[in-house]
C-alpha cells in the first residue's frame, strides 16, 4: 500500500523514513518524481523546505517513532520550486504531479494521494485545480486534501483543491480536540459542505531535515492531512476493494464530533475527528439483529468514543434502538446506509442527534445492509452503555404521537459498550507553519 505525497519532496536519509529504493517495496520510499522540473530524471533524497518530510513522517514513519500507517510505502512527488529564486508551486506542476500519479499508480501501488497544500483565497466559484484532482478519484486513488488555513475569513474559506467534493477534506484540531482557529470553513463556493473530517494539526512534532534524526514542530491543516492519509491506507490494507467513496463514508460515519451543536456534520469540523479503530470495526464486523448475543466490549482501552457495526435490515420490521448509560452517560444512535452518495458522504437512515430522545425508531422500504453507530455525546461522562433493540411493532407510533411513553415489547440486549471521551493522538506536538 503506497501513499503518494505531493509536496516538497522527502528527505530519505532521515531515520524515520529510511530509505529510498525504486520499486523496492521492502524500502520505505519506493518512487520519486519532480513535477516542477520534470526534465530532472535523477532521483534525489533532498527536501530543502522540510514540509514534505514532516507530513510524510506523520503518515508513515516507521523508525524513531511511528506514523499513522508505519507499514505503508511512500512515493515522493515534488511540486515546488526547490531553488532559491523563482515561483513556488504552480498549476502546471500540480497537474503534472497528478497526471504522473494516475499513469504510475499501478507500478508503485499508489492508492492514496496526500495533498497538504492549497491555493490562496480564490474568488471564482470555478477553479481548474479543483477539477484536476477528480482524475485521481476516477481511477481509484483516494485523495486527502487540506481545508487550508484561511479560517479567519469564516465561511467559504476552503480553497482548491480542498473544495473538491470527491476528496476527503481535512480540518485541524489541537490536543484538546478544539478546532484550530485558522482551519478552513465551509461551505465551499460551490455550495458543498466541507470539511469532511478533522485530525490533529496543532504543534505536531515529526521528522525534520536538519539531520537524519532531526525533529520539527509545525502547525496547520497540512499536518492534519497525513493523519487521515495514513488512516485511509489502513482501511485499504484491510479491504483493498474499497472505492474512494466507500473509504470516505467509513471515515465520516465513524468520526467523533468534538462540538455538541446537535448536528450530524457541520462546516467547521465536518463529521468530526477520525476514529481509525472504529472505522476498521465498522468495515470488518457484522452482526445478526435476530440473534444478537450480549457482548462485553470495553472501548476505553481502544481510546475511542465510537462503536459501529454492520447489520442487515428487513422491510417487514420496525426497528427501535436505544443506548442507555449505566451511570448517566449520554450517547447518540445513528443508522446509515452502506452505500454512500456520489461524493462519498454517508446516507442517513435515522438518528437521534439533535433530539432529547435516547432512541431512534425507523423502518426501511427494502432489505439492505446498514451501519449502526453509537457515539458518546461531546461533554458526556465516560460510561458503559447498554445498546438495546426494542422489538415493538407499535413503537413508531409511540414516538410520533406519545413521545416519552414507555414502549412495551421484548427487549434484546445487543451489546455492553464502554465509551471513553479521552483519546490520544498518534504523533507528538508543538508550533507553527503551514502551506
Protein backbone atom coordinates (compact mmCIF):
# COMPACT_ATOMS: atom_id res chain seq x y z
CA UNK A 1 0.00 0.00 0.00
CA UNK A 2 1.61 3.25 -1.13
CA UNK A 3 0.85 6.85 -0.25
CA UNK A 4 1.89 9.45 -2.83
CA UNK A 5 2.94 12.64 -1.02
CA UNK A 6 2.57 15.66 -3.31
CA UNK A 7 4.67 18.23 -1.52
CA UNK A 8 8.30 19.43 -1.29
CA UNK A 9 9.94 16.02 -1.55
CA UNK A 10 11.13 13.70 1.22
CA UNK A 11 14.49 13.58 2.98
CA UNK A 12 15.10 9.85 2.58
CA UNK A 13 18.14 9.79 4.88
CA UNK A 14 16.00 10.55 7.90
CA UNK A 15 15.97 7.58 10.26
CA UNK A 16 12.17 7.67 10.47
CA UNK A 17 11.86 7.30 6.69
CA UNK A 18 14.95 5.41 5.60
CA UNK A 19 15.37 4.59 2.79
CA UNK A 20 14.78 5.11 -0.96
CA UNK A 21 14.89 2.25 -3.44
CA UNK A 22 12.94 2.49 -6.70
CA UNK A 23 10.09 -0.04 -6.89
CA UNK A 24 11.60 -2.00 -3.99
CA UNK A 25 8.65 -2.40 -1.65
CA UNK A 26 10.84 -3.54 1.23
CA UNK A 27 12.12 0.05 1.33
CA UNK A 28 10.07 2.92 2.75
CA UNK A 29 10.24 5.30 -0.24
CA UNK A 30 9.67 3.39 -3.49
CA UNK A 31 9.29 6.17 -6.05
CA UNK A 32 10.29 9.73 -6.84
CA UNK A 33 9.18 12.38 -9.33
CA UNK A 34 9.97 16.08 -9.75
CA UNK A 35 6.81 17.68 -11.14
CA UNK A 36 8.24 21.20 -11.01
CA UNK A 37 11.35 20.33 -13.03
CA UNK A 38 10.16 17.25 -14.96
CA UNK A 39 13.37 17.22 -17.00
CA UNK A 40 15.17 16.20 -13.80
CA UNK A 41 15.22 12.42 -14.16
CA UNK A 42 17.78 11.66 -11.46
CA UNK A 43 16.19 10.73 -8.13
CA UNK A 44 17.44 12.65 -5.12
CA UNK A 45 16.54 12.49 -1.47
CA UNK A 46 16.53 16.20 -0.73
CA UNK A 47 13.74 18.27 0.80
CA UNK A 48 15.08 21.80 1.11
CA UNK A 49 11.86 23.15 2.62
CA UNK A 50 11.18 20.33 5.11
CA UNK A 51 7.41 20.40 4.75
CA UNK A 52 7.15 17.20 2.68
CA UNK A 53 9.39 15.24 5.05
CA UNK A 54 7.34 16.36 8.02
CA UNK A 55 3.97 15.31 6.60
CA UNK A 56 5.36 12.08 5.13
CA UNK A 57 6.60 11.01 8.56
CA UNK A 58 3.21 11.74 10.15
CA UNK A 59 1.62 9.44 7.58
CA UNK A 60 4.08 6.55 7.52
CA UNK A 61 7.23 6.88 9.68
CA UNK A 62 8.46 3.51 10.90
CA UNK A 63 11.66 4.18 12.88
CA UNK A 64 12.34 6.51 15.83
CA UNK A 65 8.56 6.97 16.04
CA UNK A 66 5.61 5.52 14.16
CA UNK A 67 3.36 7.45 11.85
CA UNK A 68 -0.31 6.62 11.40
CA UNK A 69 0.40 3.79 8.94
CA UNK A 70 4.01 2.69 9.62
CA UNK A 71 3.74 -0.23 7.20
CA UNK A 72 2.82 1.91 4.20
CA UNK A 73 5.23 2.76 1.40
CA UNK A 74 5.74 6.30 0.12
CA UNK A 75 6.25 7.99 -3.23
CA UNK A 76 7.83 11.44 -3.08
CA UNK A 77 6.42 13.88 -5.64
CA UNK A 78 7.85 17.37 -5.59
CA UNK A 79 5.51 20.13 -6.82
CA UNK A 80 7.57 23.10 -5.52
CA UNK A 81 10.44 25.15 -6.85
CA UNK A 82 13.32 23.99 -4.68
CA UNK A 83 15.73 26.62 -5.97
CA UNK A 84 16.42 29.83 -4.05
CA UNK A 85 14.60 32.08 -6.50
CA UNK A 86 11.64 31.68 -8.81
CA UNK A 87 7.94 30.86 -8.38
CA UNK A 88 6.53 28.44 -5.85
CA UNK A 89 4.22 25.55 -6.81
CA UNK A 90 2.17 26.21 -9.94
CA UNK A 91 -0.99 24.82 -11.50
CA UNK A 92 1.26 23.18 -14.09
CA UNK A 93 3.40 21.40 -11.51
CA UNK A 94 0.32 20.17 -9.62
CA UNK A 95 -1.29 18.93 -12.82
CA UNK A 96 1.93 17.14 -13.86
CA UNK A 97 2.09 15.53 -10.42
CA UNK A 98 -1.49 14.31 -10.64
CA UNK A 99 -1.10 13.01 -14.19
CA UNK A 100 2.11 11.19 -13.24
CA UNK A 101 0.34 9.62 -10.26
CA UNK A 102 -2.53 8.45 -12.47
CA UNK A 103 -0.14 6.96 -15.03
CA UNK A 104 2.15 5.28 -12.47
CA UNK A 105 -0.32 4.24 -9.78
CA UNK A 106 -0.16 0.53 -10.63
CA UNK A 107 3.62 0.44 -10.90
CA UNK A 108 4.06 1.95 -7.45
CA UNK A 109 0.86 0.51 -5.88
CA UNK A 110 -0.45 4.00 -5.14
CA UNK A 111 -3.91 4.02 -3.52
CA UNK A 112 -3.69 7.29 -1.56
CA UNK A 113 -2.69 10.80 -2.63
CA UNK A 114 -1.81 13.09 0.28
CA UNK A 115 -2.01 16.81 -0.53
CA UNK A 116 -1.07 19.23 2.24
CA UNK A 117 -1.31 22.33 0.11
CA UNK A 118 -3.89 24.75 -1.19
CA UNK A 119 -4.37 27.89 -3.19
CA UNK A 120 -4.56 31.33 -1.64
CA UNK A 121 -8.17 32.56 -1.35
CA UNK A 122 -9.65 32.29 -4.83
CA UNK A 123 -12.67 34.43 -5.58
CA UNK A 124 -14.04 32.48 -8.55
CA UNK A 125 -16.56 29.68 -7.99
CA UNK A 126 -14.72 27.63 -10.62
CA UNK A 127 -11.06 26.77 -10.10
CA UNK A 128 -9.33 24.41 -12.56
CA UNK A 129 -7.27 22.97 -9.71
CA UNK A 130 -10.47 21.64 -8.13
CA UNK A 131 -11.37 19.57 -11.16
CA UNK A 132 -7.87 18.23 -11.79
CA UNK A 133 -7.99 16.30 -8.52
CA UNK A 134 -11.03 14.33 -9.71
CA UNK A 135 -8.80 12.45 -12.19
CA UNK A 136 -7.24 10.56 -9.29
CA UNK A 137 -10.58 9.58 -7.76
CA UNK A 138 -11.80 8.33 -11.13
CA UNK A 139 -9.00 5.73 -11.25
CA UNK A 140 -9.50 4.56 -7.66
CA UNK A 141 -6.98 6.72 -5.78
CA UNK A 142 -8.30 8.18 -2.52
CA UNK A 143 -7.46 11.89 -2.39
CA UNK A 144 -6.87 13.53 1.01
CA UNK A 145 -6.59 17.32 0.92
CA UNK A 146 -6.17 20.22 3.30
CA UNK A 147 -9.00 22.50 4.36
CA UNK A 148 -6.44 25.30 4.35
CA UNK A 149 -5.52 27.89 6.96
CA UNK A 150 -7.82 30.73 5.99
CA UNK A 151 -10.46 30.07 8.64
CA UNK A 152 -10.30 33.63 9.95
CA UNK A 153 -12.23 34.58 6.80
CA UNK A 154 -15.13 32.45 8.05
CA UNK A 155 -17.45 30.68 5.64
CA UNK A 156 -16.26 29.69 2.16
CA UNK A 157 -12.61 29.89 3.22
CA UNK A 158 -11.72 26.42 1.89
CA UNK A 159 -9.91 26.81 -1.43
CA UNK A 160 -8.81 24.44 -4.19
CA UNK A 161 -8.13 21.56 -4.10
CA UNK A 162 -9.83 21.32 -0.69
CA UNK A 163 -13.16 22.22 -2.27
CA UNK A 164 -13.21 19.12 -4.47
CA UNK A 165 -16.39 17.25 -3.49
CA UNK A 166 -14.92 13.79 -4.10
CA UNK A 167 -11.82 14.32 -1.96
CA UNK A 168 -11.58 13.87 1.80
CA UNK A 169 -11.04 17.42 3.05
CA UNK A 170 -9.39 17.67 6.45
CA UNK A 171 -9.52 20.41 9.07
CA UNK A 172 -7.24 20.64 12.10
CA UNK A 173 -7.81 20.27 15.84
CA UNK A 174 -5.48 20.71 18.79
CA UNK A 175 -4.56 18.22 21.51
CA UNK A 176 -7.69 19.16 23.45
CA UNK A 177 -9.91 18.48 20.40
CA UNK A 178 -10.64 22.20 19.86
CA UNK A 179 -10.83 23.20 16.21
CA UNK A 180 -7.70 25.12 15.13
CA UNK A 181 -8.56 28.80 14.82
CA UNK A 182 -7.20 29.06 11.25
CA UNK A 183 -8.73 25.82 9.96
CA UNK A 184 -10.71 26.48 6.76
CA UNK A 185 -14.50 26.57 6.96
CA UNK A 186 -17.24 25.58 4.55
CA UNK A 187 -19.42 25.57 2.71
CA UNK A 188 -17.37 25.75 -0.45
CA UNK A 189 -18.08 28.42 -3.04
CA UNK A 190 -19.88 25.70 -4.99
CA UNK A 191 -22.21 25.14 -2.00
CA UNK A 192 -20.83 21.80 -0.81
CA UNK A 193 -20.45 21.05 2.89
CA UNK A 194 -16.79 20.92 3.95
CA UNK A 195 -14.54 19.93 5.65
CA UNK A 196 -15.33 16.23 5.84
CA UNK A 197 -13.37 15.37 8.99
CA UNK A 198 -10.74 16.80 11.33
CA UNK A 199 -7.47 15.41 12.70
CA UNK A 200 -4.58 16.60 14.91
CA UNK A 201 -2.79 19.57 13.35
CA UNK A 202 -1.55 21.85 16.15
CA UNK A 203 2.05 21.70 17.40
CA UNK A 204 2.79 18.40 15.67
CA UNK A 205 6.32 17.14 16.18
CA UNK A 206 7.60 14.94 13.38
CA UNK A 207 10.66 14.45 11.16
CA UNK A 208 12.82 17.44 10.21
CA UNK A 209 15.57 17.86 7.64
CA UNK A 210 18.44 19.32 9.68
CA UNK A 211 19.90 15.87 10.31
CA UNK A 212 18.93 12.18 9.97
CA UNK A 213 17.39 12.30 13.46
CA UNK A 214 16.03 15.87 13.46
CA UNK A 215 12.52 16.77 14.54
CA UNK A 216 10.50 19.83 13.64
CA UNK A 217 7.27 21.16 15.15
CA UNK A 218 4.66 22.60 12.80
CA UNK A 219 1.02 23.67 12.95
CA UNK A 220 -1.68 23.76 10.29
CA UNK A 221 -4.18 21.72 8.37
CA UNK A 222 -1.16 20.44 6.43
CA UNK A 223 -0.31 18.36 9.48
CA UNK A 224 -3.87 17.03 9.81
CA UNK A 225 -3.93 15.65 6.25
CA UNK A 226 -1.30 12.89 6.69
CA UNK A 227 -3.07 11.57 9.79
CA UNK A 228 -6.05 10.87 7.54
CA UNK A 229 -3.90 9.66 4.64
CA UNK A 230 -2.43 7.04 6.96
CA UNK A 231 -5.90 6.08 8.17
CA UNK A 232 -7.01 5.59 4.56
CA UNK A 233 -4.03 3.30 3.95
CA UNK A 234 -5.00 1.21 6.98
CA UNK A 235 -8.58 0.79 5.72
CA UNK A 236 -7.39 -0.14 2.23
CA UNK A 237 -4.93 -2.62 3.70
CA UNK A 238 -7.88 -4.25 5.45
CA UNK A 239 -10.01 -4.26 2.29
CA UNK A 240 -8.30 -3.39 -0.98
CA UNK A 241 -11.59 -3.50 -2.92
CA UNK A 242 -12.93 -0.33 -1.28
CA UNK A 243 -13.67 2.57 -3.61
CA UNK A 244 -12.68 6.14 -2.71
CA UNK A 245 -16.34 6.86 -1.92
CA UNK A 246 -16.59 3.88 0.43
CA UNK A 247 -13.39 4.81 2.27
CA UNK A 248 -14.69 8.33 2.77
CA UNK A 249 -18.04 7.03 4.00
CA UNK A 250 -16.48 4.78 6.67
CA UNK A 251 -14.25 7.57 7.97
CA UNK A 252 -17.07 10.12 8.07
CA UNK A 253 -19.70 7.82 9.56
CA UNK A 254 -17.43 6.79 12.45
CA UNK A 255 -15.84 10.19 13.15
CA UNK A 256 -16.42 11.74 16.59
CA UNK A 257 -17.99 15.18 16.86
CA UNK A 258 -15.97 17.32 19.25
CA UNK A 259 -18.62 20.08 19.34
CA UNK A 260 -22.06 19.48 20.83
CA UNK A 261 -24.11 21.52 18.36
CA UNK A 262 -26.86 18.99 17.68
CA UNK A 263 -25.75 18.37 14.09
CA UNK A 264 -24.58 15.21 12.39
CA UNK A 265 -21.99 17.26 10.49
CA UNK A 266 -21.19 20.94 10.03
CA UNK A 267 -18.92 23.32 8.13
CA UNK A 268 -16.41 23.69 10.97
CA UNK A 269 -15.33 20.11 11.72
CA UNK A 270 -17.38 18.09 9.25
CA UNK A 271 -18.38 14.76 10.79
CA UNK A 272 -15.68 15.17 13.45
CA UNK A 273 -12.37 13.66 14.49
CA UNK A 274 -11.40 10.45 12.70
CA UNK A 275 -11.57 7.24 14.75
CA UNK A 276 -9.41 4.68 12.96
CA UNK A 277 -10.26 1.71 15.18
CA UNK A 278 -13.99 2.41 14.92
CA UNK A 279 -13.76 2.72 11.13
CA UNK A 280 -11.95 -0.62 10.95
CA UNK A 281 -14.57 -2.31 13.09
CA UNK A 282 -17.35 -0.80 11.01
CA UNK A 283 -15.65 -2.21 7.92
CA UNK A 284 -14.97 -5.68 9.29
CA UNK A 285 -17.58 -6.54 11.93
CA UNK A 286 -21.13 -7.66 11.14
CA UNK A 287 -23.91 -8.71 13.47
CA UNK A 288 -27.25 -10.51 13.12
CA UNK A 289 -30.03 -8.47 14.78
CA UNK A 290 -32.25 -11.56 15.07
CA UNK A 291 -29.78 -13.46 17.28
CA UNK A 292 -27.55 -10.76 18.74
CA UNK A 293 -25.75 -12.02 21.85
CA UNK A 294 -24.85 -9.99 24.90
CA UNK A 295 -21.34 -8.68 24.40
CA UNK A 296 -18.95 -7.03 26.84
CA UNK A 297 -16.93 -4.50 24.91
CA UNK A 298 -14.59 -2.01 26.57
CA UNK A 299 -13.86 0.81 24.13
CA UNK A 300 -11.93 2.78 26.74
CA UNK A 301 -8.94 0.52 26.19
CA UNK A 302 -9.00 1.35 22.49
CA UNK A 303 -9.13 5.11 23.09
CA UNK A 304 -12.24 5.77 21.08
CA UNK A 305 -15.71 7.19 21.67
CA UNK A 306 -17.49 5.48 18.78
CA UNK A 307 -18.90 1.96 18.36
CA UNK A 308 -20.06 0.77 14.93
CA UNK A 309 -21.30 -2.48 13.41
CA UNK A 310 -22.83 -3.59 10.10
CA UNK A 311 -26.34 -5.06 10.24
CA UNK A 312 -28.92 -6.36 7.80
CA UNK A 313 -32.31 -4.62 7.89
CA UNK A 314 -35.59 -6.12 6.69
CA UNK A 315 -38.60 -4.16 5.41
CA UNK A 316 -41.08 -6.17 7.49
CA UNK A 317 -39.71 -4.96 10.82
CA UNK A 318 -39.91 -1.71 12.74
CA UNK A 319 -36.57 -1.11 14.43
CA UNK A 320 -36.32 0.73 17.73
CA UNK A 321 -32.80 1.12 19.11
CA UNK A 322 -31.59 2.99 22.16
CA UNK A 323 -28.34 3.49 24.08
CA UNK A 324 -28.55 3.87 27.87
CA UNK A 325 -25.58 4.82 30.03
CA UNK A 326 -25.21 2.85 33.25
CA UNK A 327 -24.04 5.96 35.12
CA UNK A 328 -25.96 8.66 33.32
CA UNK A 329 -23.72 9.00 30.29
CA UNK A 330 -25.29 10.18 27.06
CA UNK A 331 -24.74 8.76 23.57
CA UNK A 332 -26.29 9.20 20.15
CA UNK A 333 -27.57 6.40 17.93
CA UNK A 334 -27.36 6.75 14.16
CA UNK A 335 -28.05 4.34 11.30
CA UNK A 336 -26.51 4.86 7.88
CA UNK A 337 -26.95 3.05 4.59
CA UNK A 338 -23.89 1.10 3.50
CA UNK A 339 -23.95 2.80 0.10
CA UNK A 340 -22.63 6.39 0.18
CA UNK A 341 -23.76 9.18 -2.11
CA UNK A 342 -21.75 10.02 -5.23
CA UNK A 343 -19.36 12.22 -3.21
CA UNK A 344 -18.74 9.53 -0.58
CA UNK A 345 -20.90 11.08 2.14
CA UNK A 346 -22.91 8.73 4.38
CA UNK A 347 -26.61 8.27 3.55
CA UNK A 348 -28.63 8.76 6.74
CA UNK A 349 -31.46 6.37 7.68
CA UNK A 350 -32.17 7.56 11.23
CA UNK A 351 -30.53 9.44 14.12
CA UNK A 352 -31.38 10.95 17.49
CA UNK A 353 -28.67 13.61 17.22
CA UNK A 354 -30.31 16.94 17.99
CA UNK A 355 -33.18 15.21 19.83
CA UNK A 356 -33.86 14.82 23.56
CA UNK A 357 -34.72 11.14 22.99
CA UNK A 358 -32.20 8.41 23.79
CA UNK A 359 -33.50 6.20 21.00
CA UNK A 360 -34.41 6.02 17.32
CA UNK A 361 -37.24 4.21 15.57
CA UNK A 362 -37.44 3.54 11.85
CA UNK A 363 -38.49 1.18 9.09
CA UNK A 364 -36.83 0.59 5.73
CA UNK A 365 -38.62 0.00 2.43
CA UNK A 366 -36.40 -2.85 1.25
CA UNK A 367 -33.83 -5.27 2.62
CA UNK A 368 -30.44 -3.65 2.92
CA UNK A 369 -27.16 -3.65 4.79
CA UNK A 370 -26.70 -0.74 7.16
CA UNK A 371 -24.29 0.65 9.72
CA UNK A 372 -25.33 1.23 13.35
CA UNK A 373 -23.13 3.86 15.02
CA UNK A 374 -23.20 4.80 18.72
CA UNK A 375 -21.21 7.90 19.71
CA UNK A 376 -20.56 9.32 23.13
CA UNK A 377 -22.06 12.80 23.27
CA UNK A 378 -19.49 15.61 23.50
CA UNK A 379 -19.19 16.59 27.15
CA UNK A 380 -20.69 13.34 28.45
CA UNK A 381 -19.00 11.32 31.15
CA UNK A 382 -17.30 8.10 30.14
CA UNK A 383 -19.73 5.28 30.64
CA UNK A 384 -20.79 1.75 29.89
CA UNK A 385 -23.81 1.74 27.60
CA UNK A 386 -26.48 -0.87 27.04
CA UNK A 387 -27.49 -0.78 23.38
CA UNK A 388 -30.93 -2.29 23.03
CA UNK A 389 -33.10 -3.42 20.15
CA UNK A 390 -36.74 -2.96 21.23
CA UNK A 391 -38.85 -5.42 19.28
CA UNK A 392 -42.11 -3.45 19.37
CA UNK A 393 -44.25 -3.07 16.21
CA UNK A 394 -46.11 -0.11 17.78
CA UNK A 395 -43.09 1.91 18.80
CA UNK A 396 -43.02 4.09 15.70
CA UNK A 397 -46.48 5.31 16.57
CA UNK A 398 -45.45 5.93 20.17
CA UNK A 399 -42.55 8.07 19.00
CA UNK A 400 -44.77 10.08 16.68
CA UNK A 401 -47.76 10.53 18.95
CA UNK A 402 -46.68 9.86 22.52
CA UNK A 403 -43.10 10.94 23.00
CA UNK A 404 -41.94 9.95 26.45
CA UNK A 405 -44.27 6.96 26.78
CA UNK A 406 -42.80 3.60 27.66
CA UNK A 407 -42.66 1.18 24.74
CA UNK A 408 -43.89 -2.27 25.67
CA UNK A 409 -42.28 -5.18 23.95
CA UNK A 410 -39.44 -7.66 24.03
CA UNK A 411 -36.10 -6.04 24.81
CA UNK A 412 -32.92 -7.66 23.49
CA UNK A 413 -29.56 -6.53 24.84
CA UNK A 414 -27.32 -6.01 21.83
CA UNK A 415 -24.05 -5.12 23.49
CA UNK A 416 -22.34 -3.63 26.50
CA UNK A 417 -20.01 -0.87 25.41
CA UNK A 418 -17.79 1.39 27.48
CA UNK A 419 -17.24 4.68 25.68
CA UNK A 420 -14.30 6.87 26.59
CA UNK A 421 -14.11 10.56 25.72
CA UNK A 422 -10.35 10.74 26.33
CA UNK A 423 -8.25 9.94 23.26
CA UNK A 424 -4.57 10.10 22.32
CA UNK A 425 -3.20 11.34 19.03
CA UNK A 426 -0.59 9.43 17.10
CA UNK A 427 2.24 11.88 16.61
CA UNK A 428 3.76 14.35 19.06
CA UNK A 429 3.15 18.14 19.17
CA UNK A 430 4.38 21.86 19.37
CA UNK A 431 4.38 25.12 16.97
CA UNK A 432 3.64 26.88 13.60
CA UNK A 433 3.96 26.79 9.80
CA UNK A 434 1.63 25.79 7.05
CA UNK A 435 1.27 25.64 3.29
